[in-house]
Amino acid sequence: MFKKFQDTVFEGIQNPKKRNLILAATLAAFILSVLMIAPSKMVLAKMLPGKNNDTFTIYATLSEGSSIEQTTRVAECISGHLKKEKEITDFEIFLGMGAPLDFAGLIKGSHFKNSENVAEIVVNLTKKHHRDEPSYFMVQRVRPLIQNECTQLHSNTTITFVEPPAGPPVLAAIVAEVYGQESDGIRELSLRVADVFKNTAGLVDVEIMQDDIYDTFEVEVDSTKASLSGVNIKQLNDILYLAFEGMQIAVKNSDVANDQIPIYLSLGLESKKFSSKDINAINAKLSSLKLMNEMGMMTPITELVSIVPKKSNPMIMSKNLHKMTNVMAETDMVSQVYPLMEARDTILKTFDDRYEIEKTGLFNLKLTDKESRQVYELIWDGEMEVTLDTFVELGAAFIAALVLIFLLMVIYYKSYTLSGIILLGSFLSIIGVIVGHYIMDLFTSDTFFLTATSLIGFIALIGISSRNSLLLIDFTASLMRDEKMPKAEAIAYATATRAKPIFLTAAAIILASTLLAGDAVFGGLGVALIFGTIAAVIASLIIVPILLYKADLNRHFNLDDE
């Protein structure tokens, strides 16, 4: 076996046709592997894959001004679907408030929720080891069923699904931050961006982080009439609050504790309701409420107040003291990079009817209103921004590792050629990393993404594959210097001799990495190490010997001086 492999290497490096064929095939494999990422998208990049959790949360948000009864109807509709799922052990509904904080709720602002138009439903699943369907597949399956039915109960209702993140928590997978000086312009632009998101394949749970502007009615007290009628203004305020919100009127002593139980009084649920959303219905309801003045006479409230129609006062959002709003969207089991690029292209093509668009940075946009000349900025954030930053930083770390290894090899060998051969042999392991992800994608039910952990594995491979080339070069130099072997024979003998320790090292790495390959987060690291190691072994035993044969080893090993 040893002799046969040595003869094969010896024949391969001396035959010009075989050498050129192997080098051409290697170049073609490298180009094809890069094309598998872009533009073919056979291997998709993502920060981290979906994580199989034991829980997820459903956020229901109705239009501003909705009642708690309307919110309850939507929550009951959602719970009706959840009861049909066998893998759900229990769920808790929090009406008018946020659920107790979890990892995702900290960044989503769950603790700020305190209004009748919001609800959160925390869903608990059976342990992931006891069910076949991952949590993210369940969310993907039930999302359209719940949204299609429950959002129809009331207009402008949004229902979003939030899962604990596999990595750093972000506001959403894709966040478009819209900055500007004029609030109406920000609102109009954010609505158009949200429409683009809704029509982009792969994006779901689109919402805008801003309050709706809706019609309200303000009760203004006529202090002059109240004074002439002998009615105290505080008394007037109390009766309105007691009727529609409820007030504590007494306490009851507890039989089991030293605490007193407050007793609240308010109108019944049916009595609180207005027949319609107009000023006449409000006047009709308030006319039934009467106050007793100081002379014992009953005075209708409508004689003392006036109802003034007004628009709601929306919250003004800002970041770093600049007015802004967020348009958010989640991805439906796809990488966030590609829907973002599609949405950005749509914005560039369709927004030019109203805005002058200028590209700033890699993805960000500057939009100038053609009529008002107001300037708005569209800055991308969310998991996409984390992905971009992570991949850029890991790419910089990879380049730094290559440069450092190259400099160390130059210092050791005092030869740029030998250092370049070692570097090239290390770099070719990227073929195995990319092809390995494609192969794993064929055998997994969901998409197997090229993740940040995959790049970490690729960086770790540089040192492993460099060691293989070092063994080969040092033994070749020893044979040529000490045994006076010809170059081709020394390379073939060194390759065959060092093949065994190279194979044993590779086998140890591959076997150890199989434990990582099945993990949701570190699966990319395991696959990168397994297939990258295979590619590094092939490069060390086939490509590196050919490159060594083409180099002037006598000069690089300083054998001409001996």
Protein backbone atom coordinates (compact mmCIF):
# COMPACT_ATOMS: atom_id res chain seq x y z
CA MET A 1 0.00 0.00 0.00
CA PHE A 2 2.80 2.39 0.95
CA LYS A 3 4.82 1.61 -2.18
CA LYS A 4 1.77 1.84 -4.44
CA PHE A 5 0.80 5.25 -3.11
CA GLN A 6 4.38 6.47 -3.45
CA ASP A 7 4.51 5.34 -7.07
CA THR A 8 1.18 7.02 -7.79
CA VAL A 9 2.40 10.34 -6.38
CA PHE A 10 5.74 10.00 -8.17
CA GLU A 11 4.03 9.38 -11.50
CA GLY A 12 1.49 12.15 -10.97
CA ILE A 13 3.95 14.93 -10.19
CA GLN A 14 6.22 14.05 -13.12
CA ASN A 15 3.47 13.80 -15.74
CA PRO A 16 2.76 17.33 -17.07
CA LYS A 17 -0.73 16.43 -18.29
CA LYS A 18 -1.76 14.94 -14.94
CA ARG A 19 -0.27 17.90 -13.06
CA ASN A 20 -2.12 20.44 -15.17
CA LEU A 21 -5.32 18.41 -14.99
CA ILE A 22 -5.21 18.25 -11.18
CA LEU A 23 -4.45 21.97 -10.86
CA ALA A 24 -7.21 22.86 -13.34
CA ALA A 25 -9.68 20.63 -11.49
CA THR A 26 -8.72 22.25 -8.19
CA LEU A 27 -9.23 25.74 -9.62
CA ALA A 28 -12.59 24.70 -11.08
CA ALA A 29 -13.66 23.18 -7.74
CA PHE A 30 -12.72 26.40 -5.92
CA ILE A 31 -14.65 28.59 -8.38
CA LEU A 32 -17.69 26.32 -8.27
CA SER A 33 -17.68 26.25 -4.47
CA VAL A 34 -17.68 30.05 -4.36
CA LEU A 35 -20.52 30.15 -6.91
CA MET A 36 -22.51 27.84 -4.66
CA ILE A 37 -22.85 30.77 -2.25
CA ALA A 38 -23.48 33.51 -4.81
CA PRO A 39 -25.18 33.85 -7.18
CA SER A 40 -26.59 30.29 -7.27
CA LYS A 41 -27.56 30.37 -3.54
CA MET A 42 -27.07 26.62 -3.25
CA VAL A 43 -25.49 27.33 0.14
CA LEU A 44 -27.19 30.08 2.13
CA ALA A 45 -25.52 32.24 4.76
CA LYS A 46 -27.12 33.14 8.09
CA MET A 47 -25.94 34.36 11.47
CA LEU A 48 -27.23 31.30 13.34
CA PRO A 49 -29.78 28.60 12.44
CA GLY A 50 -33.12 28.17 14.16
CA LYS A 51 -33.00 26.82 17.69
CA ASN A 52 -35.31 24.07 18.87
CA ASN A 53 -36.82 25.58 22.03
CA ASP A 54 -39.29 24.33 24.61
CA THR A 55 -41.27 27.57 24.51
CA PHE A 56 -42.26 30.49 22.31
CA THR A 57 -44.42 33.59 22.72
CA ILE A 58 -47.24 35.03 20.64
CA TYR A 59 -47.72 38.82 20.63
CA ALA A 60 -51.19 40.13 19.70
CA THR A 61 -51.54 43.86 19.06
CA LEU A 62 -54.85 45.43 18.07
CA SER A 63 -55.32 48.95 16.76
CA GLU A 64 -54.92 51.77 19.25
CA GLY A 65 -58.07 52.42 21.26
CA SER A 66 -59.32 48.84 21.12
CA SER A 67 -61.07 47.54 24.22
CA ILE A 68 -59.98 44.70 26.46
CA GLU A 69 -63.01 42.72 25.27
CA GLN A 70 -61.80 42.91 21.68
CA THR A 71 -58.31 41.86 22.76
CA THR A 72 -59.84 38.95 24.67
CA ARG A 73 -61.65 37.75 21.53
CA VAL A 74 -58.39 37.69 19.57
CA ALA A 75 -56.58 35.90 22.41
CA GLU A 76 -59.36 33.30 22.62
CA CYS A 77 -59.12 32.74 18.88
CA ILE A 78 -55.38 32.11 19.20
CA SER A 79 -55.86 29.80 22.17
CA GLY A 80 -58.42 27.79 20.21
CA HIS A 81 -55.75 26.90 17.65
CA LEU A 82 -53.16 26.16 20.32
CA LYS A 83 -55.46 23.67 22.06
CA LYS A 84 -55.39 21.51 18.92
CA GLU A 85 -51.61 21.00 19.14
CA LYS A 86 -50.68 17.80 20.97
CA GLU A 87 -47.09 18.91 21.61
CA ILE A 88 -48.24 21.98 23.60
CA THR A 89 -48.40 21.19 27.30
CA ASP A 90 -49.87 24.50 28.48
CA PHE A 91 -50.02 28.21 27.69
CA GLU A 92 -50.66 31.40 29.67
CA ILE A 93 -52.50 34.48 28.40
CA PHE A 94 -51.52 37.94 29.65
CA LEU A 95 -54.18 40.50 28.68
CA GLY A 96 -53.32 44.18 28.63
CA MET A 97 -49.76 43.55 29.76
CA GLY A 98 -46.50 41.86 28.84
CA ALA A 99 -45.54 38.39 29.98
CA PRO A 100 -42.81 37.89 32.61
CA LEU A 101 -39.52 38.81 30.99
CA ASP A 102 -37.53 36.23 29.10
CA PHE A 103 -34.44 36.46 26.90
CA ALA A 104 -36.39 37.73 23.89
CA GLY A 105 -38.77 39.96 25.88
CA LEU A 106 -35.89 42.04 27.24
CA ILE A 107 -35.09 43.44 23.80
CA LYS A 108 -38.67 43.34 22.46
CA GLY A 109 -39.83 45.76 25.16
CA SER A 110 -42.36 43.38 26.67
CA HIS A 111 -42.10 45.07 30.07
CA PHE A 112 -43.38 48.38 28.61
CA LYS A 113 -46.72 46.92 27.51
CA ASN A 114 -49.62 48.29 29.53
CA SER A 115 -52.70 48.94 27.42
CA GLU A 116 -55.95 47.22 26.60
CA ASN A 117 -55.04 46.56 22.96
CA VAL A 118 -52.12 44.17 23.65
CA ALA A 119 -51.84 40.57 24.81
CA GLU A 120 -49.05 38.04 25.12
CA ILE A 121 -49.44 34.27 25.09
CA VAL A 122 -46.57 32.16 26.43
CA VAL A 123 -46.64 28.65 24.95
CA ASN A 124 -44.84 25.74 26.60
CA LEU A 125 -43.99 22.61 24.61
CA THR A 126 -42.95 19.11 25.53
CA LYS A 127 -39.20 18.60 25.84
CA LYS A 128 -37.43 18.74 22.50
CA HIS A 129 -36.04 15.23 22.94
CA HIS A 130 -39.57 13.85 23.20
CA ARG A 131 -41.05 15.35 19.99
CA ASP A 132 -40.24 14.99 16.33
CA GLU A 133 -41.21 18.50 15.22
CA PRO A 134 -38.79 21.31 16.18
CA SER A 135 -40.32 24.43 17.69
CA TYR A 136 -39.43 26.57 14.69
CA PHE A 137 -41.25 24.17 12.36
CA MET A 138 -44.31 24.34 14.60
CA VAL A 139 -44.22 28.13 14.53
CA GLN A 140 -43.87 28.08 10.75
CA ARG A 141 -46.86 25.75 10.45
CA VAL A 142 -49.32 27.41 12.87
CA ARG A 143 -48.41 31.02 12.04
CA PRO A 144 -50.47 31.32 8.82
CA LEU A 145 -53.40 29.40 10.36
CA ILE A 146 -53.64 31.74 13.34
CA GLN A 147 -52.92 34.94 11.44
CA ASN A 148 -55.39 34.25 8.63
CA GLU A 149 -58.29 33.67 11.02
CA CYS A 150 -57.58 35.73 14.13
CA THR A 151 -56.39 38.95 12.48
CA GLN A 152 -59.76 39.15 10.68
CA LEU A 153 -61.67 39.63 13.93
CA HIS A 154 -60.64 43.28 14.17
CA SER A 155 -59.01 45.54 11.60
CA ASN A 156 -55.32 46.45 11.90
CA THR A 157 -54.61 43.51 14.19
CA THR A 158 -51.08 42.09 14.08
CA ILE A 159 -50.05 38.74 15.51
CA THR A 160 -46.36 37.92 15.72
CA PHE A 161 -44.45 34.88 16.93
CA VAL A 162 -41.33 35.35 19.02
CA GLU A 163 -38.88 32.54 19.76
CA PRO A 164 -35.92 32.66 22.18
CA PRO A 165 -32.96 33.54 19.96
CA ALA A 166 -30.12 31.12 19.30
CA GLY A 167 -27.62 33.95 19.58
CA PRO A 168 -27.61 37.59 20.69
CA PRO A 169 -31.15 38.99 21.06
CA VAL A 170 -32.23 41.50 18.42
CA LEU A 171 -35.38 43.53 17.83
CA ALA A 172 -36.21 41.45 14.73
CA ALA A 173 -34.53 39.60 11.89
CA ILE A 174 -34.77 42.70 9.68
CA VAL A 175 -35.23 46.20 11.10
CA ALA A 176 -35.48 49.31 8.95
CA GLU A 177 -34.79 52.43 11.01
CA VAL A 178 -36.44 55.46 9.39
CA TYR A 179 -34.96 58.80 10.50
CA GLY A 180 -36.19 62.29 9.70
CA GLN A 181 -37.21 65.66 11.08
CA GLU A 182 -40.88 65.61 10.13
CA SER A 183 -43.14 63.10 11.93
CA ASP A 184 -45.74 62.79 9.17
CA GLY A 185 -43.03 62.14 6.61
CA ILE A 186 -41.49 59.43 8.80
CA ARG A 187 -44.90 57.82 9.20
CA GLU A 188 -45.61 57.88 5.46
CA LEU A 189 -42.20 56.46 4.54
CA SER A 190 -42.41 53.73 7.19
CA LEU A 191 -45.81 52.64 5.87
CA ARG A 192 -44.37 52.29 2.36
CA VAL A 193 -41.41 50.29 3.68
CA ALA A 194 -43.82 48.02 5.58
CA ASP A 195 -45.78 47.40 2.35
CA VAL A 196 -42.54 46.38 0.63
CA PHE A 197 -41.77 43.95 3.45
CA LYS A 198 -45.25 42.42 3.24
CA ASN A 199 -44.78 41.74 -0.47
CA THR A 200 -41.27 40.28 -0.11
CA ALA A 201 -41.05 36.50 -0.15
CA GLY A 202 -39.66 35.02 3.05
CA LEU A 203 -40.68 37.91 5.34
CA VAL A 204 -43.45 37.50 7.92
CA ASP A 205 -44.70 39.26 11.06
CA VAL A 206 -44.29 42.74 9.59
CA GLU A 207 -45.06 45.56 12.02
CA ILE A 208 -44.25 49.22 12.59
CA MET A 209 -43.13 50.42 16.00
CA GLN A 210 -45.34 53.49 16.13
CA ASP A 211 -48.73 54.41 17.52
CA ASP A 212 -51.74 54.65 15.24
CA ILE A 213 -53.49 57.99 14.88
CA TYR A 214 -57.16 57.44 15.65
CA ASP A 215 -60.25 59.48 16.58
CA THR A 216 -60.76 60.23 20.26
CA PHE A 217 -63.27 62.24 22.27
CA GLU A 218 -62.16 64.49 25.10
CA VAL A 219 -64.45 65.42 27.97
CA GLU A 220 -63.97 69.10 28.81
CA VAL A 221 -65.49 70.38 32.03
CA ASP A 222 -67.19 73.74 31.95
CA SER A 223 -66.02 75.07 35.31
CA THR A 224 -68.45 77.99 35.20
CA LYS A 225 -71.51 75.78 34.77
CA ALA A 226 -70.20 73.38 37.40
CA SER A 227 -69.78 76.24 39.88
CA LEU A 228 -73.23 77.68 39.17
CA SER A 229 -74.77 74.21 39.49
CA GLY A 230 -73.15 73.66 42.86
CA VAL A 231 -71.20 70.60 41.71
CA ASN A 232 -67.66 69.96 42.85
CA ILE A 233 -65.24 69.27 39.94
CA LYS A 234 -63.57 66.49 41.92
CA GLN A 235 -66.97 64.91 42.39
CA LEU A 236 -67.48 65.10 38.62
CA ASN A 237 -64.12 63.48 37.92
CA ASP A 238 -64.78 60.73 40.46
CA ILE A 239 -68.15 59.73 39.01
CA LEU A 240 -66.66 59.42 35.52
CA TYR A 241 -63.73 57.37 36.79
CA LEU A 242 -65.99 55.21 38.97
CA ALA A 243 -68.38 54.50 36.09
CA PHE A 244 -65.90 53.46 33.43
CA GLU A 245 -62.71 52.46 35.28
CA GLY A 246 -63.88 51.50 38.75
CA MET A 247 -63.01 52.92 42.18
CA GLN A 248 -62.36 51.51 45.61
CA ILE A 249 -65.34 52.36 47.79
CA ALA A 250 -64.76 50.15 50.82
CA VAL A 251 -62.70 47.29 52.26
CA LYS A 252 -63.47 43.88 53.65
CA ASN A 253 -61.50 42.24 56.42
CA SER A 254 -59.92 38.94 55.44
CA ASP A 255 -60.71 35.82 57.45
CA VAL A 256 -57.34 34.20 56.80
CA ALA A 257 -54.91 37.11 56.91
CA ASN A 258 -54.40 40.51 58.46
CA ASP A 259 -54.92 42.21 55.10
CA GLN A 260 -57.99 44.11 53.99
CA ILE A 261 -59.59 43.25 50.67
CA PRO A 262 -60.53 46.33 48.61
CA ILE A 263 -64.04 46.50 47.16
CA TYR A 264 -64.34 48.17 43.77
CA LEU A 265 -67.45 49.63 42.15
CA SER A 266 -67.97 50.29 38.45
CA LEU A 267 -70.59 49.93 35.76
CA GLY A 268 -71.21 46.48 34.32
CA LEU A 269 -69.53 45.42 31.11
CA GLU A 270 -72.66 45.94 29.04
CA SER A 271 -73.38 49.29 30.68
CA LYS A 272 -69.91 50.56 29.83
CA LYS A 273 -70.28 49.87 26.13
CA PHE A 274 -71.21 52.62 23.70
CA SER A 275 -73.69 51.88 20.95
CA SER A 276 -71.34 53.35 18.32
CA LYS A 277 -68.14 55.36 17.99
CA ASP A 278 -69.63 58.83 17.55
CA ILE A 279 -70.36 61.87 19.64
CA ASN A 280 -74.10 61.18 19.86
CA ALA A 281 -73.53 57.79 21.47
CA ILE A 282 -71.18 59.34 24.03
CA ASN A 283 -73.66 62.09 24.87
CA ALA A 284 -76.43 59.50 25.23
CA LYS A 285 -74.33 57.40 27.60
CA LEU A 286 -73.18 60.36 29.73
CA SER A 287 -76.69 61.80 29.96
CA SER A 288 -77.69 58.78 32.02
CA LEU A 289 -75.11 59.73 34.67
CA LYS A 290 -76.34 62.35 37.12
CA LEU A 291 -74.78 64.15 40.10
CA MET A 292 -76.41 65.54 43.20
CA ASN A 293 -75.44 69.14 43.86
CA GLU A 294 -75.26 70.93 47.18
CA MET A 295 -79.02 71.66 47.11
CA GLY A 296 -79.91 68.00 46.58
CA MET A 297 -80.86 68.41 42.93
CA MET A 298 -79.80 65.83 40.30
CA THR A 299 -77.81 67.33 37.43
CA PRO A 300 -76.96 65.36 34.25
CA ILE A 301 -73.27 65.25 33.49
CA THR A 302 -73.88 66.40 29.91
CA GLU A 303 -75.02 69.79 31.32
CA LEU A 304 -71.59 70.33 32.84
CA VAL A 305 -69.23 68.98 30.18
CA SER A 306 -68.75 69.19 26.44
CA ILE A 307 -67.47 66.39 24.18
CA VAL A 308 -64.71 67.52 21.81
CA PRO A 309 -63.59 65.23 18.94
CA LYS A 310 -59.79 65.07 18.66
CA LYS A 311 -57.05 62.98 17.13
CA SER A 312 -54.90 60.80 19.34
CA ASN A 313 -51.48 62.01 20.35
CA PRO A 314 -48.97 59.35 19.15
CA MET A 315 -45.75 58.62 20.95
CA ILE A 316 -42.67 60.27 19.48
CA MET A 317 -39.83 57.81 19.16
CA SER A 318 -36.19 58.85 19.04
CA LYS A 319 -32.77 57.27 19.00
CA ASN A 320 -29.62 59.21 19.84
CA LEU A 321 -31.86 62.32 20.03
CA HIS A 322 -33.06 61.86 16.42
CA LYS A 323 -36.69 61.25 15.49
CA MET A 324 -37.20 57.77 14.07
CA THR A 325 -39.38 54.70 13.89
CA ASN A 326 -38.70 51.01 13.31
CA VAL A 327 -40.20 48.81 10.62
CA MET A 328 -39.65 45.18 11.63
CA ALA A 329 -40.03 41.81 9.94
CA GLU A 330 -39.12 38.24 10.77
CA THR A 331 -37.91 35.62 8.31
CA ASP A 332 -39.84 32.44 7.60
CA MET A 333 -37.03 29.87 8.00
CA VAL A 334 -34.84 31.65 5.44
CA SER A 335 -31.69 33.71 5.68
CA GLN A 336 -32.41 37.36 6.37
CA VAL A 337 -29.75 38.57 3.93
CA TYR A 338 -31.53 37.63 0.70
CA PRO A 339 -35.02 39.07 1.53
CA LEU A 340 -33.27 42.25 2.65
CA MET A 341 -31.49 42.61 -0.68
CA GLU A 342 -34.76 41.95 -2.53
CA ALA A 343 -36.64 44.51 -0.40
CA ARG A 344 -33.87 47.07 -0.88
CA ASP A 345 -33.96 46.59 -4.66
CA THR A 346 -37.74 47.09 -4.61
CA ILE A 347 -37.32 50.32 -2.63
CA LEU A 348 -34.75 51.60 -5.12
CA LYS A 349 -37.07 50.84 -8.05
CA THR A 350 -40.42 52.02 -6.66
CA PHE A 351 -39.66 54.88 -4.28
CA ASP A 352 -38.16 57.14 -6.94
CA ASP A 353 -41.64 58.48 -7.74
CA ARG A 354 -41.58 60.48 -4.50
CA TYR A 355 -37.99 60.52 -3.31
CA GLU A 356 -34.52 61.14 -4.62
CA ILE A 357 -32.59 58.09 -3.44
CA GLU A 358 -28.90 58.04 -2.64
CA LYS A 359 -26.96 55.00 -1.46
CA THR A 360 -24.98 55.44 1.74
CA GLY A 361 -22.71 52.70 2.99
CA LEU A 362 -23.23 49.10 1.97
CA PHE A 363 -27.05 48.87 2.31
CA ASN A 364 -28.29 52.13 3.86
CA LEU A 365 -30.23 54.72 1.85
CA LYS A 366 -30.77 58.47 1.97
CA LEU A 367 -34.13 59.65 0.63
CA THR A 368 -35.00 63.27 -0.17
CA ASP A 369 -38.65 64.21 -0.67
CA LYS A 370 -38.97 65.85 -4.11
CA GLU A 371 -41.70 68.24 -2.93
CA SER A 372 -40.84 69.23 0.64
CA ARG A 373 -37.06 68.58 0.31
CA GLN A 374 -37.17 66.82 3.66
CA VAL A 375 -34.32 64.33 4.09
CA TYR A 376 -34.91 60.85 5.50
CA GLU A 377 -32.44 58.09 6.25
CA LEU A 378 -33.13 54.38 5.97
CA ILE A 379 -30.67 52.42 8.12
CA TRP A 380 -30.82 48.64 8.37
CA ASP A 381 -30.49 46.90 11.72
CA GLY A 382 -31.56 43.72 13.47
CA GLU A 383 -30.17 40.22 12.98
CA MET A 384 -29.10 41.23 9.47
CA GLU A 385 -26.78 43.89 10.86
CA VAL A 386 -25.40 41.44 13.44
CA THR A 387 -24.83 38.91 10.64
CA LEU A 388 -23.05 41.46 8.48
CA ASP A 389 -20.85 42.66 11.34
CA THR A 390 -20.06 39.11 12.43
CA PHE A 391 -19.15 37.89 8.96
CA VAL A 392 -17.01 40.98 8.32
CA GLU A 393 -15.18 40.56 11.63
CA LEU A 394 -14.68 36.82 11.11
CA GLY A 395 -13.49 37.52 7.57
CA ALA A 396 -10.99 40.01 8.95
CA ALA A 397 -9.87 37.42 11.53
CA PHE A 398 -9.44 34.85 8.75
CA ILE A 399 -7.32 37.25 6.68
CA ALA A 400 -5.27 38.14 9.76
CA ALA A 401 -4.69 34.44 10.47
CA LEU A 402 -3.51 33.87 6.88
CA VAL A 403 -1.15 36.84 7.01
CA LEU A 404 0.31 35.79 10.37
CA ILE A 405 0.84 32.21 9.21
CA PHE A 406 2.46 33.48 6.01
CA LEU A 407 4.83 35.76 7.94
CA LEU A 408 5.76 32.97 10.34
CA MET A 409 6.49 30.64 7.44
CA VAL A 410 8.59 33.30 5.73
CA ILE A 411 10.63 33.71 8.90
CA TYR A 412 10.99 29.92 9.26
CA TYR A 413 11.76 28.97 5.65
CA LYS A 414 13.08 32.33 4.44
CA SER A 415 11.12 31.64 1.25
CA TYR A 416 8.00 33.33 -0.06
CA THR A 417 7.32 30.42 -2.41
CA LEU A 418 7.21 27.73 0.27
CA SER A 419 5.15 29.99 2.51
CA GLY A 420 2.71 30.59 -0.35
CA ILE A 421 2.37 26.83 -0.97
CA ILE A 422 1.51 26.25 2.70
CA LEU A 423 -0.96 29.12 2.62
CA LEU A 424 -2.64 27.88 -0.56
CA GLY A 425 -2.96 24.37 0.83
CA SER A 426 -4.67 25.80 3.90
CA PHE A 427 -6.98 28.05 1.92
CA LEU A 428 -8.24 25.20 -0.27
CA SER A 429 -10.02 23.70 2.74
CA ILE A 430 -12.78 26.24 2.03
CA ILE A 431 -13.90 23.94 -0.81
CA GLY A 432 -14.67 21.20 1.70
CA VAL A 433 -16.46 23.64 4.04
CA ILE A 434 -18.84 24.91 1.35
CA VAL A 435 -19.44 21.53 -0.30
CA GLY A 436 -19.98 19.97 3.14
CA HIS A 437 -22.75 22.45 3.93
CA TYR A 438 -24.39 21.70 0.58
CA ILE A 439 -24.27 17.95 1.25
CA MET A 440 -25.71 18.38 4.75
CA ASP A 441 -28.50 20.53 3.32
CA LEU A 442 -29.53 17.60 1.12
CA PHE A 443 -29.94 15.30 4.13
CA THR A 444 -31.66 17.68 6.56
CA SER A 445 -35.33 18.63 6.62
CA ASP A 446 -34.61 22.33 7.09
CA THR A 447 -31.99 24.54 5.46
CA PHE A 448 -28.44 23.93 6.63
CA PHE A 449 -26.99 27.43 6.69
CA LEU A 450 -23.41 28.59 6.46
CA THR A 451 -23.27 30.28 9.86
CA ALA A 452 -20.86 32.23 12.03
CA THR A 453 -19.77 29.00 13.72
CA SER A 454 -18.96 27.60 10.26
CA LEU A 455 -16.50 30.44 9.70
CA ILE A 456 -14.98 29.82 13.13
CA GLY A 457 -14.39 26.21 12.07
CA PHE A 458 -12.81 27.36 8.82
CA ILE A 459 -10.40 29.64 10.69
CA ALA A 460 -9.50 26.75 13.01
CA LEU A 461 -8.75 24.59 9.96
CA ILE A 462 -5.98 26.90 8.80
CA GLY A 463 -3.64 25.75 11.54
CA ILE A 464 -4.51 22.07 11.02
CA SER A 465 -3.96 22.10 7.26
CA SER A 466 -0.79 24.20 7.64
CA ARG A 467 0.63 21.53 9.92
CA ASN A 468 0.06 18.88 7.22
CA SER A 469 2.00 20.91 4.66
CA LEU A 470 4.77 21.59 7.17
CA LEU A 471 5.26 17.87 7.80
CA LEU A 472 5.51 17.23 4.09
CA ILE A 473 7.91 20.07 3.31
CA ASP A 474 10.24 19.43 6.24
CA PHE A 475 10.54 15.71 5.48
CA THR A 476 11.15 16.44 1.79
CA ALA A 477 13.93 18.86 2.71
CA SER A 478 15.46 16.26 5.05
CA LEU A 479 15.45 13.60 2.33
CA MET A 480 16.98 15.90 -0.26
CA ARG A 481 19.60 17.20 2.15
CA ASP A 482 20.55 14.06 4.08
CA GLU A 483 19.70 11.23 1.69
CA LYS A 484 20.58 13.16 -1.49
CA MET A 485 17.32 12.04 -3.08
CA PRO A 486 16.16 13.65 -6.34
CA LYS A 487 13.34 16.13 -5.95
CA ALA A 488 10.50 14.02 -7.41
CA GLU A 489 11.49 10.90 -5.49
CA ALA A 490 11.86 12.83 -2.21
CA ILE A 491 8.44 14.46 -2.59
CA ALA A 492 6.76 11.13 -3.37
CA TYR A 493 8.50 9.32 -0.49
CA ALA A 494 7.70 12.14 1.98
CA THR A 495 4.06 12.24 0.88
CA ALA A 496 3.63 8.48 1.28
CA THR A 497 5.45 8.41 4.62
CA ARG A 498 3.54 11.32 6.17
CA ALA A 499 0.19 10.17 4.83
CA LYS A 500 -0.38 7.91 7.84
CA PRO A 501 0.02 10.57 10.60
CA ILE A 502 -1.98 13.00 8.46
CA PHE A 503 -4.81 10.47 8.12
CA LEU A 504 -4.74 9.66 11.85
CA THR A 505 -4.89 13.34 12.79
CA ALA A 506 -7.74 13.91 10.35
CA ALA A 507 -9.65 10.90 11.68
CA ALA A 508 -9.37 12.19 15.24
CA ILE A 509 -10.70 15.61 14.20
CA ILE A 510 -13.56 14.13 12.17
CA LEU A 511 -14.68 11.74 14.91
CA ALA A 512 -14.57 14.47 17.55
CA SER A 513 -16.47 16.89 15.31
CA THR A 514 -19.36 14.49 14.72
CA LEU A 515 -20.58 15.35 18.22
CA LEU A 516 -20.93 18.98 17.15
CA ALA A 517 -22.51 18.31 13.76
CA GLY A 518 -25.90 17.47 15.27
CA ASP A 519 -26.13 20.58 17.45
CA ALA A 520 -28.49 23.35 16.36
CA VAL A 521 -26.04 26.19 16.97
CA PHE A 522 -22.63 24.53 16.58
CA GLY A 523 -23.61 22.22 13.72
CA GLY A 524 -21.89 24.53 11.24
CA LEU A 525 -18.66 24.32 13.23
CA GLY A 526 -18.78 20.52 13.22
CA VAL A 527 -19.54 20.25 9.50
CA ALA A 528 -16.82 22.79 8.67
CA LEU A 529 -14.25 20.79 10.64
CA ILE A 530 -15.31 17.44 9.15
CA PHE A 531 -15.46 18.34 5.47
CA GLY A 532 -12.78 21.02 5.71
CA THR A 533 -10.39 18.45 7.19
CA ILE A 534 -11.13 16.07 4.33
CA ALA A 535 -10.40 18.82 1.81
CA ALA A 536 -7.22 19.78 3.71
CA VAL A 537 -5.96 16.18 3.59
CA ILE A 538 -6.59 15.95 -0.15
CA ALA A 539 -4.86 19.28 -0.71
CA SER A 540 -1.88 18.22 1.42
CA LEU A 541 -1.38 14.86 -0.31
CA ILE A 542 -2.20 15.88 -3.91
CA ILE A 543 -1.97 19.64 -4.51
CA VAL A 544 0.98 20.48 -2.26
CA PRO A 545 3.29 17.78 -3.80
CA ILE A 546 2.57 19.16 -7.29
CA LEU A 547 3.29 22.72 -6.21
CA LEU A 548 6.50 21.57 -4.49
CA TYR A 549 7.64 19.81 -7.67
CA LYS A 550 7.08 22.96 -9.72
CA ALA A 551 9.15 25.03 -7.24
CA ASP A 552 12.95 25.26 -7.25
CA LEU A 553 13.50 23.32 -4.01
CA ASN A 554 17.28 23.26 -4.31
CA ARG A 555 17.34 27.02 -4.07
CA HIS A 556 14.63 27.26 -1.41
CA PHE A 557 16.27 24.59 0.76
CA ASN A 558 19.71 26.18 0.16
CA LEU A 559 21.03 22.93 -1.33
CA ASP A 560 22.94 24.70 -4.13
CA ASP A 561 25.46 26.01 -1.59
CA GLU A 562 26.31 22.54 -0.29
